[in-house]
């Protein structure tokens, strides 16, 4: 079992790293497309086969209502469209439009320079180890329940 204070320091670093990562991504995304990081994340979730708002909200760890409001904005902007959900009459599937695919490509390009900079400072093994550790910490965090 890890020492409590070591875990506290790790989680504090993770929080600040996430904040820095979010801020860099947000600046690049808004500068390139006018869309912020949360819109980017939601478009990305809808980009494969599409999904429902409740499913996207769970993945983003947000309320269904706030995710629905953002989906409504994206739909009004012509970036996503709703299609009938054969599995649920009142919860449509949202999927991206061709315009959204162009926007996603612009968003991905907008952070390329920053990603290359970060990657130039790390070894391939460090990236692999950190990615594996992050996945493990998320798995543990997701399994924790206070109710």
C-alpha atoms as a PDB file:
ATOM      1  CA  UNK A   1       0.000   0.000   0.000  1.00  0.00           C
ATOM      2  CA  UNK A   2       1.276   3.434  -0.950  1.00  0.00           C
ATOM      3  CA  UNK A   3       1.957   6.070   1.687  1.00  0.00           C
ATOM      4  CA  UNK A   4      -0.978   8.485   2.121  1.00  0.00           C
ATOM      5  CA  UNK A   5       1.171  11.611   1.781  1.00  0.00           C
ATOM      6  CA  UNK A   6       2.855  10.262  -1.363  1.00  0.00           C
ATOM      7  CA  UNK A   7      -0.576   9.587  -2.873  1.00  0.00           C
ATOM      8  CA  UNK A   8      -1.736  13.071  -1.831  1.00  0.00           C
ATOM      9  CA  UNK A   9       1.285  14.631  -3.579  1.00  0.00           C
ATOM     10  CA  UNK A  10       0.684  12.483  -6.669  1.00  0.00           C
ATOM     11  CA  UNK A  11      -2.976  13.497  -6.876  1.00  0.00           C
ATOM     12  CA  UNK A  12      -2.092  17.157  -6.324  1.00  0.00           C
ATOM     13  CA  UNK A  13       0.410  16.963  -9.197  1.00  0.00           C
ATOM     14  CA  UNK A  14      -2.174  15.201 -11.340  1.00  0.00           C
ATOM     15  CA  UNK A  15      -4.693  17.968 -10.641  1.00  0.00           C
ATOM     16  CA  UNK A  16      -2.242  20.729 -11.548  1.00  0.00           C
ATOM     17  CA  UNK A  17      -1.047  18.812 -14.603  1.00  0.00           C
ATOM     18  CA  UNK A  18      -4.638  18.420 -15.769  1.00  0.00           C
ATOM     19  CA  UNK A  19      -5.238  22.143 -15.239  1.00  0.00           C
ATOM     20  CA  UNK A  20      -2.139  23.070 -17.246  1.00  0.00           C
ATOM     21  CA  UNK A  21      -3.012  20.602 -19.996  1.00  0.00           C
ATOM     22  CA  UNK A  22      -6.573  21.922 -20.121  1.00  0.00           C
ATOM     23  CA  UNK A  23      -5.398  25.543 -20.300  1.00  0.00           C
ATOM     24  CA  UNK A  24      -2.947  24.837 -23.139  1.00  0.00           C
ATOM     25  CA  UNK A  25      -5.527  22.853 -25.074  1.00  0.00           C
ATOM     26  CA  UNK A  26      -8.182  25.514 -24.492  1.00  0.00           C
ATOM     27  CA  UNK A  27      -5.953  28.337 -25.766  1.00  0.00           C
ATOM     28  CA  UNK A  28      -4.985  26.405 -28.888  1.00  0.00           C
ATOM     29  CA  UNK A  29      -8.529  25.230 -29.617  1.00  0.00           C
ATOM     30  CA  UNK A  30     -10.149  28.639 -29.213  1.00  0.00           C
ATOM     31  CA  UNK A  31      -7.449  30.339 -31.273  1.00  0.00           C
ATOM     32  CA  UNK A  32      -7.846  27.830 -34.122  1.00  0.00           C
ATOM     33  CA  UNK A  33     -11.609  27.370 -34.257  1.00  0.00           C
ATOM     34  CA  UNK A  34     -13.395  29.481 -31.661  1.00  0.00           C
ATOM     35  CA  UNK A  35     -14.475  26.264 -29.920  1.00  0.00           C
ATOM     36  CA  UNK A  36     -13.262  25.455 -26.432  1.00  0.00           C
ATOM     37  CA  UNK A  37     -11.940  22.203 -25.070  1.00  0.00           C
ATOM     38  CA  UNK A  38     -15.261  20.953 -23.692  1.00  0.00           C
ATOM     39  CA  UNK A  39     -16.885  21.295 -27.109  1.00  0.00           C
ATOM     40  CA  UNK A  40     -13.903  19.501 -28.611  1.00  0.00           C
ATOM     41  CA  UNK A  41     -14.256  16.644 -26.140  1.00  0.00           C
ATOM     42  CA  UNK A  42     -17.971  16.295 -26.824  1.00  0.00           C
ATOM     43  CA  UNK A  43     -17.481  16.392 -30.601  1.00  0.00           C
ATOM     44  CA  UNK A  44     -14.817  13.733 -30.242  1.00  0.00           C
ATOM     45  CA  UNK A  45     -17.203  11.514 -28.258  1.00  0.00           C
ATOM     46  CA  UNK A  46     -19.881  11.898 -30.941  1.00  0.00           C
ATOM     47  CA  UNK A  47     -17.401  11.360 -33.793  1.00  0.00           C
ATOM     48  CA  UNK A  48     -17.299   7.578 -34.024  1.00  0.00           C
ATOM     49  CA  UNK A  49     -20.711   5.967 -34.300  1.00  0.00           C
ATOM     50  CA  UNK A  50     -22.412   8.688 -32.302  1.00  0.00           C
ATOM     51  CA  UNK A  51     -23.845   8.294 -28.822  1.00  0.00           C
ATOM     52  CA  UNK A  52     -26.553   9.559 -26.547  1.00  0.00           C
ATOM     53  CA  UNK A  53     -26.202  12.594 -24.332  1.00  0.00           C
ATOM     54  CA  UNK A  54     -26.428  10.503 -21.122  1.00  0.00           C
ATOM     55  CA  UNK A  55     -23.613   8.263 -22.377  1.00  0.00           C
ATOM     56  CA  UNK A  56     -21.446  11.273 -23.247  1.00  0.00           C
ATOM     57  CA  UNK A  57     -22.203  12.903 -19.882  1.00  0.00           C
ATOM     58  CA  UNK A  58     -21.071   9.778 -18.015  1.00  0.00           C
ATOM     59  CA  UNK A  59     -17.844   9.635 -20.015  1.00  0.00           C
ATOM     60  CA  UNK A  60     -17.107  13.328 -19.410  1.00  0.00           C
ATOM     61  CA  UNK A  61     -18.119  13.102 -15.725  1.00  0.00           C
ATOM     62  CA  UNK A  62     -20.622  15.919 -16.194  1.00  0.00           C
ATOM     63  CA  UNK A  63     -24.294  16.250 -15.527  1.00  0.00           C
ATOM     64  CA  UNK A  64     -26.665  15.148 -18.261  1.00  0.00           C
ATOM     65  CA  UNK A  65     -28.245  18.596 -18.240  1.00  0.00           C
ATOM     66  CA  UNK A  66     -25.006  20.499 -18.876  1.00  0.00           C
ATOM     67  CA  UNK A  67     -24.023  18.016 -21.571  1.00  0.00           C
ATOM     68  CA  UNK A  68     -27.462  18.399 -23.187  1.00  0.00           C
ATOM     69  CA  UNK A  69     -27.097  22.202 -23.215  1.00  0.00           C
ATOM     70  CA  UNK A  70     -23.743  21.892 -24.963  1.00  0.00           C
ATOM     71  CA  UNK A  71     -25.140  19.331 -27.420  1.00  0.00           C
ATOM     72  CA  UNK A  72     -27.965  21.763 -28.212  1.00  0.00           C
ATOM     73  CA  UNK A  73     -25.399  24.487 -29.000  1.00  0.00           C
ATOM     74  CA  UNK A  74     -23.413  22.104 -31.213  1.00  0.00           C
ATOM     75  CA  UNK A  75     -26.593  21.018 -33.000  1.00  0.00           C
ATOM     76  CA  UNK A  76     -27.663  24.641 -33.590  1.00  0.00           C
ATOM     77  CA  UNK A  77     -24.160  25.317 -34.949  1.00  0.00           C
ATOM     78  CA  UNK A  78     -24.579  22.490 -37.450  1.00  0.00           C
ATOM     79  CA  UNK A  79     -21.777  20.394 -35.940  1.00  0.00           C
ATOM     80  CA  UNK A  80     -23.899  17.479 -34.736  1.00  0.00           C
ATOM     81  CA  UNK A  81     -27.194  15.975 -35.748  1.00  0.00           C
ATOM     82  CA  UNK A  82     -29.654  13.756 -33.922  1.00  0.00           C
ATOM     83  CA  UNK A  83     -30.758  10.463 -35.322  1.00  0.00           C
ATOM     84  CA  UNK A  84     -33.353   8.079 -33.918  1.00  0.00           C
ATOM     85  CA  UNK A  85     -32.114   5.655 -31.303  1.00  0.00           C
ATOM     86  CA  UNK A  86     -33.608   2.210 -31.925  1.00  0.00           C
ATOM     87  CA  UNK A  87     -32.806   1.289 -28.325  1.00  0.00           C
ATOM     88  CA  UNK A  88     -34.501   4.259 -26.646  1.00  0.00           C
ATOM     89  CA  UNK A  89     -37.387   6.311 -27.977  1.00  0.00           C
ATOM     90  CA  UNK A  90     -36.648   9.514 -26.012  1.00  0.00           C
ATOM     91  CA  UNK A  91     -32.828   9.529 -26.058  1.00  0.00           C
ATOM     92  CA  UNK A  92     -31.602  10.220 -29.600  1.00  0.00           C
ATOM     93  CA  UNK A  93     -28.134   9.404 -30.841  1.00  0.00           C
ATOM     94  CA  UNK A  94     -26.011  12.407 -31.761  1.00  0.00           C
ATOM     95  CA  UNK A  95     -23.358  12.151 -34.416  1.00  0.00           C
ATOM     96  CA  UNK A  96     -21.037  14.657 -36.015  1.00  0.00           C
ATOM     97  CA  UNK A  97     -21.669  16.308 -39.357  1.00  0.00           C
ATOM     98  CA  UNK A  98     -19.076  16.772 -42.114  1.00  0.00           C
ATOM     99  CA  UNK A  99     -18.543  20.325 -40.812  1.00  0.00           C
ATOM    100  CA  UNK A 100     -17.675  18.893 -37.398  1.00  0.00           C
ATOM    101  CA  UNK A 101     -15.145  16.507 -38.950  1.00  0.00           C
ATOM    102  CA  UNK A 102     -13.403  19.537 -40.480  1.00  0.00           C
ATOM    103  CA  UNK A 103     -13.530  21.324 -37.120  1.00  0.00           C
ATOM    104  CA  UNK A 104     -12.092  18.260 -35.344  1.00  0.00           C
ATOM    105  CA  UNK A 105      -9.229  18.143 -37.851  1.00  0.00           C
ATOM    106  CA  UNK A 106      -8.529  21.844 -37.193  1.00  0.00           C
ATOM    107  CA  UNK A 107      -8.655  21.248 -33.441  1.00  0.00           C
ATOM    108  CA  UNK A 108      -6.248  18.318 -33.681  1.00  0.00           C
ATOM    109  CA  UNK A 109      -3.887  20.409 -35.815  1.00  0.00           C
ATOM    110  CA  UNK A 110      -4.095  23.320 -33.359  1.00  0.00           C
ATOM    111  CA  UNK A 111      -2.336  21.343 -30.616  1.00  0.00           C
ATOM    112  CA  UNK A 112       0.256  19.590 -32.782  1.00  0.00           C
ATOM    113  CA  UNK A 113       3.032  22.063 -31.943  1.00  0.00           C
ATOM    114  CA  UNK A 114       2.347  21.783 -28.213  1.00  0.00           C
ATOM    115  CA  UNK A 115       2.152  17.959 -28.370  1.00  0.00           C
ATOM    116  CA  UNK A 116       5.442  17.854 -30.271  1.00  0.00           C
ATOM    117  CA  UNK A 117       7.041  20.104 -27.646  1.00  0.00           C
ATOM    118  CA  UNK A 118       5.884  17.908 -24.760  1.00  0.00           C
ATOM    119  CA  UNK A 119       6.913  14.771 -26.651  1.00  0.00           C
ATOM    120  CA  UNK A 120      10.382  16.167 -27.309  1.00  0.00           C
ATOM    121  CA  UNK A 121      10.952  16.415 -23.553  1.00  0.00           C
ATOM    122  CA  UNK A 122       9.949  12.801 -22.774  1.00  0.00           C
ATOM    123  CA  UNK A 123      11.148   9.362 -23.779  1.00  0.00           C
ATOM    124  CA  UNK A 124       8.822   6.853 -25.399  1.00  0.00           C
ATOM    125  CA  UNK A 125       9.080   4.704 -22.251  1.00  0.00           C
ATOM    126  CA  UNK A 126       8.087   7.638 -20.020  1.00  0.00           C
ATOM    127  CA  UNK A 127       5.037   8.319 -22.166  1.00  0.00           C
ATOM    128  CA  UNK A 128       4.028   4.643 -22.134  1.00  0.00           C
ATOM    129  CA  UNK A 129       4.569   4.278 -18.372  1.00  0.00           C
ATOM    130  CA  UNK A 130       2.695   7.489 -17.575  1.00  0.00           C
ATOM    131  CA  UNK A 131      -0.202   6.583 -19.854  1.00  0.00           C
ATOM    132  CA  UNK A 132      -0.509   3.199 -18.183  1.00  0.00           C
ATOM    133  CA  UNK A 133      -0.355   4.782 -14.703  1.00  0.00           C
ATOM    134  CA  UNK A 134      -2.983   7.388 -15.610  1.00  0.00           C
ATOM    135  CA  UNK A 135      -5.312   4.663 -16.851  1.00  0.00           C
ATOM    136  CA  UNK A 136      -4.812   2.770 -13.589  1.00  0.00           C
ATOM    137  CA  UNK A 137      -5.450   5.864 -11.430  1.00  0.00           C
ATOM    138  CA  UNK A 138      -8.611   6.626 -13.423  1.00  0.00           C
ATOM    139  CA  UNK A 139      -9.795   3.032 -13.001  1.00  0.00           C
ATOM    140  CA  UNK A 140      -9.257   3.281  -9.248  1.00  0.00           C
ATOM    141  CA  UNK A 141     -10.909   6.719  -9.049  1.00  0.00           C
ATOM    142  CA  UNK A 142     -13.905   5.467 -11.022  1.00  0.00           C
ATOM    143  CA  UNK A 143     -14.324   2.510  -8.684  1.00  0.00           C
ATOM    144  CA  UNK A 144     -14.449   4.704  -5.556  1.00  0.00           C
ATOM    145  CA  UNK A 145     -17.937   5.356  -4.262  1.00  0.00           C
ATOM    146  CA  UNK A 146     -18.964   7.557  -1.359  1.00  0.00           C
ATOM    147  CA  UNK A 147     -22.601   6.487  -1.268  1.00  0.00           C
END
